[in-house]
Protein backbone atom coordinates (compact mmCIF):
# COMPACT_ATOMS: atom_id res chain seq x y z
CA UNK A 1 19.91 45.63 69.70
CA UNK A 2 17.44 42.51 70.07
CA UNK A 3 14.07 42.50 68.69
CA UNK A 4 11.31 39.75 70.94
CA UNK A 5 9.81 38.04 68.78
CA UNK A 6 7.19 35.54 70.28
CA UNK A 7 6.91 31.78 69.08
CA UNK A 8 3.94 29.32 69.32
CA UNK A 9 5.15 26.04 71.39
CA UNK A 10 6.42 23.19 69.57
CA UNK A 11 7.83 19.82 71.00
CA UNK A 12 11.27 18.27 69.39
CA UNK A 13 11.86 14.90 70.62
CA UNK A 14 15.75 14.61 71.47
CA UNK A 15 18.20 11.27 72.45
CA UNK A 16 17.60 10.57 76.02
CA UNK A 17 21.27 11.46 76.94
CA UNK A 18 21.64 14.71 75.91
CA UNK A 19 18.58 17.23 77.78
CA UNK A 20 18.51 19.54 75.20
CA UNK A 21 16.16 21.58 73.47
CA UNK A 22 16.00 23.51 69.96
CA UNK A 23 13.05 23.92 67.63
CA UNK A 24 13.67 24.18 64.28
CA UNK A 25 14.24 27.25 61.91
CA UNK A 26 11.10 27.41 60.34
CA UNK A 27 8.01 27.05 63.64
CA UNK A 28 4.52 25.25 61.98
CA UNK A 29 3.04 28.47 62.84
CA UNK A 30 4.86 30.73 60.08
CA UNK A 31 4.36 28.14 57.06
CA UNK A 32 1.19 29.16 54.78
CA UNK A 33 -2.14 27.30 55.78
CA UNK A 34 -0.65 25.68 58.40
CA UNK A 35 -2.12 26.34 62.31
CA UNK A 36 0.12 25.95 65.34
CA UNK A 37 -0.65 22.79 67.50
CA UNK A 38 -2.51 24.34 71.17
CA UNK A 39 -0.36 22.31 73.99
CA UNK A 40 0.39 23.07 77.13
CA UNK A 41 4.10 23.03 77.85
CA UNK A 42 5.45 21.38 80.85
CA UNK A 43 8.21 21.42 83.18
CA UNK A 44 9.42 23.93 86.40
CA UNK A 45 8.36 26.78 84.62
CA UNK A 46 4.34 25.84 84.70
CA UNK A 47 2.51 24.67 87.93
CA UNK A 48 1.01 21.32 88.53
CA UNK A 49 3.98 19.77 85.88
CA UNK A 50 6.89 17.58 87.48
CA UNK A 51 10.55 17.55 86.86
CA UNK A 52 13.12 15.16 88.13
CA UNK A 53 15.85 18.01 88.30
CA UNK A 54 16.22 20.80 90.14
CA UNK A 55 12.82 23.05 90.51
CA UNK A 56 14.47 25.93 88.13
CA UNK A 57 15.18 25.59 84.20
CA UNK A 58 18.09 26.32 83.04
CA UNK A 59 19.65 29.52 81.48
CA UNK A 60 18.45 30.31 77.95
CA UNK A 61 21.11 29.11 75.17
CA UNK A 62 20.86 31.18 71.97
CA UNK A 63 21.04 28.08 68.81
CA UNK A 64 22.07 27.89 65.58
CA UNK A 65 18.94 29.57 64.37
CA UNK A 66 19.24 32.08 67.29
CA UNK A 67 15.81 30.57 69.17
CA UNK A 68 15.31 30.80 72.84
CA UNK A 69 15.38 27.46 73.92
CA UNK A 70 15.17 25.85 77.43
CA UNK A 71 16.92 22.93 78.71
CA UNK A 72 15.12 21.21 81.08
CA UNK A 73 17.23 18.64 83.43
CA UNK A 74 16.19 14.58 82.70
CA UNK A 75 13.74 15.09 79.91
CA UNK A 76 13.16 13.98 76.31
CA UNK A 77 11.50 17.27 74.54
CA UNK A 78 12.17 21.09 73.39
CA UNK A 79 9.12 23.27 75.12
CA UNK A 80 9.55 26.44 73.04
CA UNK A 81 8.04 28.82 75.09
CA UNK A 82 4.93 30.76 73.49
CA UNK A 83 5.58 33.75 75.87
CA UNK A 84 9.68 33.40 75.61
CA UNK A 85 11.02 36.26 73.25
CA UNK A 86 13.15 34.93 70.87
CA UNK A 87 16.81 37.03 70.48
CA UNK A 88 17.93 38.33 66.97
CA UNK A 89 21.52 38.48 66.73
CA UNK A 90 22.14 42.63 65.16
CA UNK A 91 25.80 43.56 63.39
CA UNK A 92 27.35 45.15 65.80
CA UNK A 93 26.04 43.10 69.02
CA UNK A 94 27.26 39.68 68.97
CA UNK A 95 29.70 40.12 72.00
CA UNK A 96 26.73 41.04 73.96
CA UNK A 97 25.12 37.16 73.37
CA UNK A 98 26.38 33.85 74.84
CA UNK A 99 27.81 31.58 71.66
CA UNK A 100 25.97 29.24 70.38
CA UNK A 101 26.83 25.58 71.42
CA UNK A 102 28.45 23.21 68.76
CA UNK A 103 25.70 20.62 68.25
CA UNK A 104 28.17 18.60 66.14
CA UNK A 105 30.30 18.18 69.26
CA UNK A 106 27.47 15.95 70.39
CA UNK A 107 26.86 13.62 67.23
CA UNK A 108 24.13 16.20 65.48
CA UNK A 109 24.63 17.40 62.44
CA UNK A 110 22.87 20.07 60.43
CA UNK A 111 19.61 19.52 58.51
CA UNK A 112 19.05 19.85 54.50
CA UNK A 113 18.71 23.09 53.38
CA UNK A 114 19.87 24.59 56.35
CA UNK A 115 16.75 23.27 58.05
CA UNK A 116 18.61 23.54 61.43
CA UNK A 117 19.76 20.76 64.04
CA UNK A 118 16.60 18.37 62.94
CA UNK A 119 18.09 15.45 62.48
CA UNK A 120 18.31 13.27 65.84
CA UNK A 121 20.29 9.97 65.91
CA UNK A 122 17.68 7.17 66.99
CA UNK A 123 18.05 4.49 69.37
CA UNK A 124 18.95 1.59 68.27
CA UNK A 125 16.33 -1.24 68.31
CA UNK A 126 15.88 -4.45 70.38
CA UNK A 127 14.95 -7.64 69.33
CA UNK A 128 11.57 -8.09 68.33
CA UNK A 129 10.90 -4.42 68.85
CA UNK A 130 9.15 -2.17 66.20
CA UNK A 131 9.35 1.23 66.00
CA UNK A 132 6.13 3.54 66.41
CA UNK A 133 4.68 5.01 63.36
CA UNK A 134 5.09 8.49 63.14
CA UNK A 135 1.07 10.17 62.41
CA UNK A 136 2.06 12.24 59.76
CA UNK A 137 1.43 16.36 60.23
CA UNK A 138 -0.71 16.45 56.93
CA UNK A 139 -3.12 13.71 58.32
CA UNK A 140 -4.08 16.02 61.56
CA UNK A 141 -4.62 19.12 59.40
CA UNK A 142 -7.20 17.20 57.34
CA UNK A 143 -8.62 15.91 60.59
CA UNK A 144 -9.48 18.90 62.15
CA UNK A 145 -10.67 20.83 58.74
CA UNK A 146 -13.56 23.24 59.08
CA UNK A 147 -15.83 24.04 56.12
CA UNK A 148 -18.31 26.58 56.45
CA UNK A 149 -21.67 25.46 55.03
CA UNK A 150 -24.25 27.32 54.71
CA UNK A 151 -26.37 26.23 57.99
CA UNK A 152 -22.73 27.18 59.71
CA UNK A 153 -19.13 25.72 60.08
CA UNK A 154 -19.03 21.99 60.37
CA UNK A 155 -15.84 19.48 60.75
CA UNK A 156 -15.62 16.20 59.54
CA UNK A 157 -15.24 13.26 61.52
CA UNK A 158 -14.12 9.64 59.69
CA UNK A 159 -16.50 7.94 62.31
CA UNK A 160 -20.47 7.41 61.21
CA UNK A 161 -22.34 8.25 64.44
CA UNK A 162 -26.20 8.79 64.53
CA UNK A 163 -27.44 11.37 67.17
CA UNK A 164 -28.82 9.27 69.98
CA UNK A 165 -32.95 9.84 69.80
CA UNK A 166 -32.63 10.48 73.53
CA UNK A 167 -30.20 11.81 76.30
CA UNK A 168 -29.06 9.44 78.89
CA UNK A 169 -30.50 11.04 82.08
CA UNK A 170 -34.11 13.75 82.16
CA UNK A 171 -33.77 17.00 82.33
CA UNK A 172 -33.84 17.83 85.85
CA UNK A 173 -36.74 19.98 87.23
CA UNK A 174 -36.28 23.16 88.44
CA UNK A 175 -38.10 23.52 92.22
CA UNK A 176 -37.67 25.52 95.43
CA UNK A 177 -40.80 24.48 97.75
CA UNK A 178 -40.58 20.91 99.69
CA UNK A 179 -44.47 19.21 99.50
CA UNK A 180 -44.49 20.69 103.16
CA UNK A 181 -43.93 24.72 102.30
CA UNK A 182 -40.48 24.16 103.26
CA UNK A 183 -37.93 25.83 100.87
CA UNK A 184 -35.08 23.07 99.39
CA UNK A 185 -31.72 23.89 100.96
CA UNK A 186 -29.39 26.02 98.43
CA UNK A 187 -32.24 26.67 96.14
CA UNK A 188 -32.05 30.33 94.21
CA UNK A 189 -35.21 32.12 93.60
CA UNK A 190 -36.37 35.27 93.79
CA UNK A 191 -37.12 36.58 96.70
CA UNK A 192 -41.13 37.60 97.27
CA UNK A 193 -41.65 40.33 99.73
CA UNK A 194 -45.39 40.04 102.04
CA UNK A 195 -47.48 42.20 100.07
CA UNK A 196 -46.63 40.33 97.01
CA UNK A 197 -46.94 36.85 98.44
CA UNK A 198 -50.38 37.65 99.87
CA UNK A 199 -51.90 38.77 97.04
CA UNK A 200 -50.45 35.91 94.77
CA UNK A 201 -52.04 33.71 97.42
CA UNK A 202 -55.55 35.43 97.78
CA UNK A 203 -55.82 35.14 94.13
CA UNK A 204 -54.85 31.68 93.92
CA UNK A 205 -58.13 31.08 96.33
CA UNK A 206 -60.00 32.72 94.36
CA UNK A 207 -59.57 30.89 90.91
CA UNK A 208 -60.24 27.76 93.36
CA UNK A 209 -63.72 28.90 94.43
CA UNK A 210 -64.43 30.92 90.82
CA UNK A 211 -63.73 27.60 89.36
CA UNK A 212 -66.42 25.64 92.29
CA UNK A 213 -69.20 27.88 92.03
CA UNK A 214 -69.29 28.72 87.95
CA UNK A 215 -68.81 24.91 87.63
CA UNK A 216 -71.75 23.97 89.69
CA UNK A 217 -73.27 26.87 88.11
CA UNK A 218 -73.21 25.39 84.78
CA UNK A 219 -74.68 22.08 86.00
CA UNK A 220 -77.31 23.94 87.13
CA UNK A 221 -78.31 25.05 83.80
CA UNK A 222 -77.60 28.58 84.46
CA UNK A 223 -74.60 28.76 81.62
CA UNK A 224 -73.64 26.83 78.42
CA UNK A 225 -70.23 25.79 79.29
CA UNK A 226 -67.16 26.16 81.62
CA UNK A 227 -63.83 24.59 82.08
CA UNK A 228 -61.73 24.98 85.15
CA UNK A 229 -57.89 25.04 86.29
CA UNK A 230 -57.68 22.79 89.45
CA UNK A 231 -54.47 21.88 90.06
CA UNK A 232 -52.90 24.22 87.95
CA UNK A 233 -53.71 28.15 89.99
CA UNK A 234 -49.82 28.23 90.66
CA UNK A 235 -49.19 28.00 87.05
CA UNK A 236 -52.12 30.85 86.80
CA UNK A 237 -51.18 33.27 89.41
CA UNK A 238 -47.71 32.87 89.72
CA UNK A 239 -46.90 33.67 86.11
CA UNK A 240 -49.04 36.11 85.77
CA UNK A 241 -47.32 38.16 88.55
CA UNK A 242 -43.94 37.76 87.70
CA UNK A 243 -45.17 39.95 84.04
CA UNK A 244 -45.74 44.12 84.28
CA UNK A 245 -49.06 45.35 82.66
CA UNK A 246 -47.34 46.24 79.27
CA UNK A 247 -46.33 42.43 78.71
CA UNK A 248 -48.85 40.46 75.82
CA UNK A 249 -51.02 37.65 76.97
CA UNK A 250 -51.57 35.33 74.65
CA UNK A 251 -53.70 32.71 76.89
CA UNK A 252 -54.74 29.09 75.55
CA UNK A 253 -58.18 28.53 77.54
CA UNK A 254 -57.10 27.36 80.53
CA UNK A 255 -55.39 30.65 82.11
CA UNK A 256 -58.33 32.72 83.77
CA UNK A 257 -55.89 33.28 86.73
CA UNK A 258 -53.69 35.58 84.65
CA UNK A 259 -56.52 37.83 83.97
CA UNK A 260 -57.50 37.92 87.20
CA UNK A 261 -54.25 39.03 88.47
CA UNK A 262 -54.20 41.64 86.13
CA UNK A 263 -57.65 43.02 87.47
CA UNK A 264 -60.55 41.36 85.46
CA UNK A 265 -63.26 41.34 88.55
CA UNK A 266 -65.41 38.58 89.26
CA UNK A 267 -68.49 40.44 87.74
CA UNK A 268 -66.55 40.93 84.72
CA UNK A 269 -66.13 37.03 84.33
CA UNK A 270 -69.75 36.70 84.79
CA UNK A 271 -70.92 38.94 82.53
CA UNK A 272 -68.87 37.20 80.13
CA UNK A 273 -70.14 33.56 81.13
CA UNK A 274 -73.69 34.55 80.34
CA UNK A 275 -73.28 36.90 77.78
CA UNK A 276 -75.12 39.48 78.65
CA UNK A 277 -75.23 43.63 77.07
CA UNK A 278 -72.21 43.85 79.47
CA UNK A 279 -69.70 40.83 77.99
CA UNK A 280 -66.64 42.69 75.82
CA UNK A 281 -67.46 40.00 73.12
CA UNK A 282 -71.37 41.05 72.53
CA UNK A 283 -71.71 37.64 73.39
CA UNK A 284 -70.68 36.16 69.98
CA UNK A 285 -68.00 34.42 72.11
CA UNK A 286 -68.38 30.96 73.99
CA UNK A 287 -68.00 30.71 77.58
CA UNK A 288 -64.35 31.23 78.93
CA UNK A 289 -63.70 33.00 76.03
CA UNK A 290 -62.01 35.97 78.09
CA UNK A 291 -60.57 38.39 76.87
CA UNK A 292 -59.46 42.63 77.50
CA UNK A 293 -58.08 44.83 75.11
CA UNK A 294 -57.35 47.08 78.33
CA UNK A 295 -55.30 44.37 80.30
CA UNK A 296 -53.63 43.30 77.06
CA UNK A 297 -55.51 39.90 77.36
CA UNK A 298 -55.37 38.58 73.57
CA UNK A 299 -58.97 36.88 73.28
CA UNK A 300 -59.42 33.01 74.02
CA UNK A 301 -59.84 30.82 70.95
CA UNK A 302 -60.95 27.33 71.24
CA UNK A 303 -58.32 26.04 67.76
CA UNK A 304 -56.02 25.12 69.62
CA UNK A 305 -52.28 26.45 68.97
CA UNK A 306 -52.97 29.05 66.29
CA UNK A 307 -52.33 31.63 69.62
CA UNK A 308 -48.37 30.56 69.18
CA UNK A 309 -47.36 31.89 66.08
CA UNK A 310 -49.41 34.99 66.78
CA UNK A 311 -47.52 35.93 69.85
CA UNK A 312 -44.26 35.85 67.88
CA UNK A 313 -45.49 38.71 65.52
CA UNK A 314 -46.52 40.79 68.93
CA UNK A 315 -42.86 39.74 70.21
CA UNK A 316 -41.54 40.93 67.04
CA UNK A 317 -43.12 44.67 67.18
CA UNK A 318 -42.93 45.29 70.63
CA UNK A 319 -39.15 44.39 69.77
CA UNK A 320 -38.90 47.30 66.47
CA UNK A 321 -40.92 49.26 69.02
CA UNK A 322 -37.80 48.87 70.95
CA UNK A 323 -40.96 48.73 73.99
CA UNK A 324 -39.84 47.36 77.53
CA UNK A 325 -41.64 44.69 77.42
CA UNK A 326 -42.48 40.79 76.02
CA UNK A 327 -45.52 38.32 74.77
CA UNK A 328 -45.97 35.60 76.47
CA UNK A 329 -48.54 32.62 74.98
CA UNK A 330 -49.31 29.59 76.61
CA UNK A 331 -49.87 26.15 75.44
CA UNK A 332 -50.85 22.35 77.12
CA UNK A 333 -48.73 19.12 76.31
CA UNK A 334 -51.76 18.50 73.39
CA UNK A 335 -50.78 21.46 71.36
CA UNK A 336 -47.42 20.61 71.14
CA UNK A 337 -48.47 18.44 68.66
CA UNK A 338 -50.03 20.97 66.32
CA UNK A 339 -47.62 22.08 63.61
CA UNK A 340 -48.50 25.40 64.49
CA UNK A 341 -46.04 24.89 67.62
CA UNK A 342 -43.34 23.99 65.60
CA UNK A 343 -43.75 27.19 63.47
CA UNK A 344 -43.47 29.09 66.21
CA UNK A 345 -40.51 28.20 67.99
CA UNK A 346 -38.56 28.10 64.53
CA UNK A 347 -40.21 31.59 64.03
CA UNK A 348 -38.91 32.81 67.42
CA UNK A 349 -35.87 31.86 67.28
CA UNK A 350 -35.18 33.16 63.73
CA UNK A 351 -35.91 36.24 64.12
CA UNK A 352 -35.11 36.29 67.76
CA UNK A 353 -38.43 37.20 69.08
CA UNK A 354 -38.82 38.85 72.39
CA UNK A 355 -41.73 35.37 73.69
CA UNK A 356 -42.15 33.43 76.13
CA UNK A 357 -43.80 29.90 75.70
CA UNK A 358 -44.98 28.41 78.69
CA UNK A 359 -45.88 24.83 78.24
CA UNK A 360 -48.33 23.26 80.78
CA UNK A 361 -47.39 19.41 80.85
CA UNK A 362 -50.78 18.68 82.37
CA UNK A 363 -50.67 14.72 82.05
CA UNK A 364 -53.75 14.76 79.84
CA UNK A 365 -55.00 16.51 76.27
CA UNK A 366 -58.66 15.22 77.59
CA UNK A 367 -58.45 11.59 77.16
CA UNK A 368 -54.89 11.45 75.62
CA UNK A 369 -51.82 10.88 78.13
CA UNK A 370 -48.60 12.72 77.94
CA UNK A 371 -47.10 9.18 76.90
CA UNK A 372 -48.79 9.11 73.75
CA UNK A 373 -48.28 12.75 72.89
CA UNK A 374 -44.23 12.28 72.34
CA UNK A 375 -41.75 10.08 72.78
CA UNK A 376 -39.01 12.77 73.64
CA UNK A 377 -38.08 13.91 77.26
CA UNK A 378 -41.33 16.32 77.57
CA UNK A 379 -40.84 19.47 75.91
CA UNK A 380 -37.76 21.49 77.64
CA UNK A 381 -35.62 19.02 74.66
CA UNK A 382 -37.54 20.90 71.53
CA UNK A 383 -36.50 24.29 72.90
CA UNK A 384 -32.78 23.17 72.00
CA UNK A 385 -33.44 21.84 69.11
CA UNK A 386 -34.88 25.18 67.87
CA UNK A 387 -32.06 26.92 69.38
CA UNK A 388 -34.02 28.37 72.38
CA UNK A 389 -33.16 28.61 75.58
CA UNK A 390 -35.42 26.09 78.18
CA UNK A 391 -35.97 25.55 81.86
CA UNK A 392 -38.14 22.54 83.08
CA UNK A 393 -40.04 23.73 86.45
CA UNK A 394 -42.22 22.43 89.49
CA UNK A 395 -45.94 24.18 87.99
CA UNK A 396 -47.40 23.11 91.01
CA UNK A 397 -44.67 25.12 93.11
CA UNK A 398 -45.43 29.04 92.94
CA UNK A 399 -41.78 30.48 94.24
CA UNK A 400 -40.45 28.17 91.74
CA UNK A 401 -43.01 29.35 88.75
CA UNK A 402 -42.61 32.85 89.57
CA UNK A 403 -38.70 32.71 89.91
CA UNK A 404 -38.68 31.24 86.53
CA UNK A 405 -40.81 33.31 84.61
CA UNK A 406 -39.42 36.17 86.20
CA UNK A 407 -36.07 34.92 85.10
CA UNK A 408 -36.88 34.02 81.74
CA UNK A 409 -39.19 37.80 80.98
CA UNK A 410 -35.38 39.21 82.17
CA UNK A 411 -34.15 37.32 79.29
CA UNK A 412 -36.24 37.83 76.17
CA UNK A 413 -36.28 41.41 76.89
CA UNK A 414 -32.60 42.27 77.98
CA UNK A 415 -31.12 39.86 75.24
CA UNK A 416 -34.05 39.83 72.77
CA UNK A 417 -34.15 35.84 72.73
CA UNK A 418 -37.25 33.61 72.91
CA UNK A 419 -37.57 31.15 76.38
CA UNK A 420 -39.21 28.49 76.16
CA UNK A 421 -40.68 27.06 79.95
CA UNK A 422 -42.07 23.45 80.45
CA UNK A 423 -43.98 23.39 84.00
CA UNK A 424 -44.73 19.88 85.64
CA UNK A 425 -48.09 20.02 86.56
CA UNK A 426 -51.13 17.33 86.67
CA UNK A 427 -55.05 18.33 85.37
CA UNK A 428 -57.13 17.57 88.69
CA UNK A 429 -60.71 18.50 86.71
CA UNK A 430 -62.25 17.11 84.08
CA UNK A 431 -61.32 18.63 80.56
CA UNK A 432 -64.42 20.48 80.60
CA UNK A 433 -67.85 20.27 81.68
CA UNK A 434 -68.66 18.09 79.00
CA UNK A 435 -66.09 15.76 80.01
CA UNK A 436 -66.07 12.53 82.51
CA UNK A 437 -61.86 12.09 83.28
CA UNK A 438 -63.14 8.92 85.29
CA UNK A 439 -63.33 7.31 82.06
CA UNK A 440 -59.80 6.70 80.91
CA UNK A 441 -58.12 7.21 84.09
CA UNK A 442 -57.99 6.38 87.64
CA UNK A 443 -60.25 8.12 90.34
CA UNK A 444 -57.71 7.77 93.09
CA UNK A 445 -54.93 9.15 90.96
CA UNK A 446 -56.96 12.06 90.87
CA UNK A 447 -57.61 12.20 94.23
CA UNK A 448 -53.71 11.94 95.14
CA UNK A 449 -53.23 14.90 93.12
CA UNK A 450 -56.07 17.10 94.22
CA UNK A 451 -55.15 16.35 98.27
CA UNK A 452 -51.43 15.66 98.36
CA UNK A 453 -50.33 17.91 95.65
CA UNK A 454 -51.97 20.60 95.71
CA UNK A 455 -50.45 23.71 94.93
CA UNK A 456 -52.32 25.99 97.03
CA UNK A 457 -52.04 23.55 100.06
CA UNK A 458 -47.95 23.62 99.99
CA UNK A 459 -47.65 27.61 99.67
CA UNK A 460 -49.75 28.06 101.96
CA UNK A 461 -47.51 26.69 104.46
CA UNK A 462 -44.75 28.10 103.41
CA UNK A 463 -46.91 31.41 104.00
CA UNK A 464 -47.94 30.37 107.31
CA UNK A 465 -44.37 29.25 108.09
CA UNK A 466 -43.39 33.03 107.19
CA UNK A 467 -45.97 34.19 110.04
CA UNK A 468 -47.86 36.10 107.01
CA UNK A 469 -51.00 33.72 107.15
CA UNK A 470 -53.39 32.10 109.77
CA UNK A 471 -56.81 30.23 110.38
CA UNK A 472 -59.32 32.89 110.98
CA UNK A 473 -57.89 35.50 107.64
CA UNK A 474 -58.69 32.04 105.35
CA UNK A 475 -62.03 31.48 106.97
CA UNK A 476 -62.43 35.39 106.17
CA UNK A 477 -61.19 35.45 102.77
CA UNK A 478 -63.30 32.20 100.95
CA UNK A 479 -66.31 33.58 103.11
CA UNK A 480 -65.69 36.62 100.85
CA UNK A 481 -64.82 35.56 97.83
CA UNK A 482 -67.60 33.39 97.36
CA UNK A 483 -70.70 35.73 98.66
CA UNK A 484 -68.77 38.01 95.79
CA UNK A 485 -69.54 35.48 93.59
CA UNK A 486 -72.95 34.17 94.30
CA UNK A 487 -73.71 38.61 93.78
CA UNK A 488 -72.06 38.07 90.38
CA UNK A 489 -74.09 35.48 89.36
CA UNK A 490 -77.14 37.01 90.39
CA UNK A 491 -76.17 40.72 88.61
CA UNK A 492 -74.97 38.84 85.55
CA UNK A 493 -78.50 37.15 85.22
CA UNK A 494 -80.34 39.92 85.02
CA UNK A 495 -78.52 42.35 82.85
CA UNK A 496 -80.24 41.94 79.03
CA UNK A 497 -78.76 39.59 76.10
CA UNK A 498 -77.76 41.76 73.35
CA UNK A 499 -80.13 41.25 69.84
CA UNK A 500 -79.65 38.82 66.95
CA UNK A 501 -78.41 41.58 64.57
CA UNK A 502 -75.36 42.07 66.67
CA UNK A 503 -74.59 38.82 64.76
CA UNK A 504 -73.64 40.61 61.80
CA UNK A 505 -72.40 43.97 62.89
CA UNK A 506 -68.57 44.67 63.60
CA UNK A 507 -67.41 43.13 60.66
CA UNK A 508 -67.53 44.58 57.33
CA UNK A 509 -68.43 49.02 57.25
CA UNK A 510 -70.88 47.95 55.04
CA UNK A 511 -72.69 45.12 55.86
CA UNK A 512 -72.48 42.73 52.61
CA UNK A 513 -75.50 41.69 50.20
CA UNK A 514 -74.71 38.17 51.59
CA UNK A 515 -74.84 38.71 55.02
CA UNK A 516 -78.29 40.54 55.12
CA UNK A 517 -79.48 37.26 52.95
CA UNK A 518 -78.37 35.31 56.37
CA UNK A 519 -80.25 37.91 58.44
CA UNK A 520 -83.53 37.96 56.80
CA UNK A 521 -83.35 34.53 56.59
CA UNK A 522 -82.51 33.80 60.51
CA UNK A 523 -85.19 35.94 60.93
CA UNK A 524 -87.62 34.09 58.74
CA UNK A 525 -86.82 30.71 60.81
CA UNK A 526 -87.15 32.35 64.47
CA UNK A 527 -90.93 33.59 62.82
CA UNK A 528 -91.77 30.05 61.84
CA UNK A 529 -90.21 28.01 64.96
CA UNK A 530 -89.82 30.27 67.80
CA UNK A 531 -90.20 27.29 70.39
CA UNK A 532 -86.72 26.19 68.74
CA UNK A 533 -84.95 29.83 70.19
CA UNK A 534 -84.50 31.42 73.71
CA UNK A 535 -87.02 33.99 74.39
CA UNK A 536 -84.26 36.01 76.34
CA UNK A 537 -82.71 37.19 73.17
CA UNK A 538 -83.99 40.58 71.33
CA UNK A 539 -84.93 39.35 67.65
């Protein structure tokens, strides 16, 4: 009886005059601390190989060491097939095996200490010819040695190479729609049904009109401050449409469209901007600092990037509670220079929190251009640096943003990992009502992006191309939204303000003495200088 034993592949060079394959008795794989070479055998048994002989191997021959070997015609190398078993001769069954060839008849002699037929006669060198230097196998093992450092397993090289500061090519940008509204050939995106497509378009138009009217209200002195999202409507609405109501949103300050999509009414927007008694923040926050516990939308705060580490903590709590939800947080290119951005990415990667970082690259951080913000290939490469899966997407492409956020959410929840999305767009409006962007960028550049690269116009062409929208519906929608906004402003102006005493509540259960002293000081100041304080705020 014979038992099969698989051998690791090994090559032994032979004479050009004799096509015989032999394997040594002690293969590399059987030596302690050694590793067999990982090569692919060649010959007529494997596809995509060549041999000068007939397209078949000669019969297996049992060598002196009883190893299964194959003799290939017109070859000079032995391939001990990894999958061919070795036959072991046991007592009593020798008659059933073919006799091994006597290699002495061919000029070969046994090696020392019974190592088998290893001594191959060398070819006589020609004049001026040098024998090639054989690299020691021990050196090869030394080069491939791997050391398990605390940061991971590492292999070594003898050359000193610095990692380049950037890749040769910029990371490509995911896109679905051309500027004319046609879908790109062979583009892959999440299908959008008619009802969802029309709701997304309606919200984008509403956000655009809301920005226009509230901006004019600030210029009229009816509210103290406002900030628009012109040119970034697709980022707002499409990203919100890809989320669920249970997902937690931690915004920056240019994402009112996310809150609009979740059901925040135009009247609620107006109440916050006017700071009346219907404002959920009781008039303590500055305008555009929206928030809603009911809609899982954290209150906006002006300090840049502080919401990022908070989003990681919120996502980690969702993971601990095993909820089918994630957290998403928004940031602009200016916020990526804050320390909280780097701390949040590393925090999320280490804890594997289900959070989506949505970064808008809109060209300007107030007056600082993106070219002065970082030298790397945008922000998408920073995700890889922290071990976070990332994607670059066209932020003016509604379908691309929707598809990317939808896929990111699924990955974050099912695989339990953070995702970074870099959306390329342009801030068409001024930074805020306190800014005049024409002082630091050309007006024709703004006009180009407002007309030729408008995300609403591109998405409308796609919707109309599907036969889901017409000009009459467009006119009706815009008129209705405008009338609803004007009505909301009039109602918000008539609602009274909160009293000054609300400034000192909702922090401590019992108001401490230092706050009571500040309250008395404020009331005394109002009595001395009444003309310096608004008359519509109850004392």
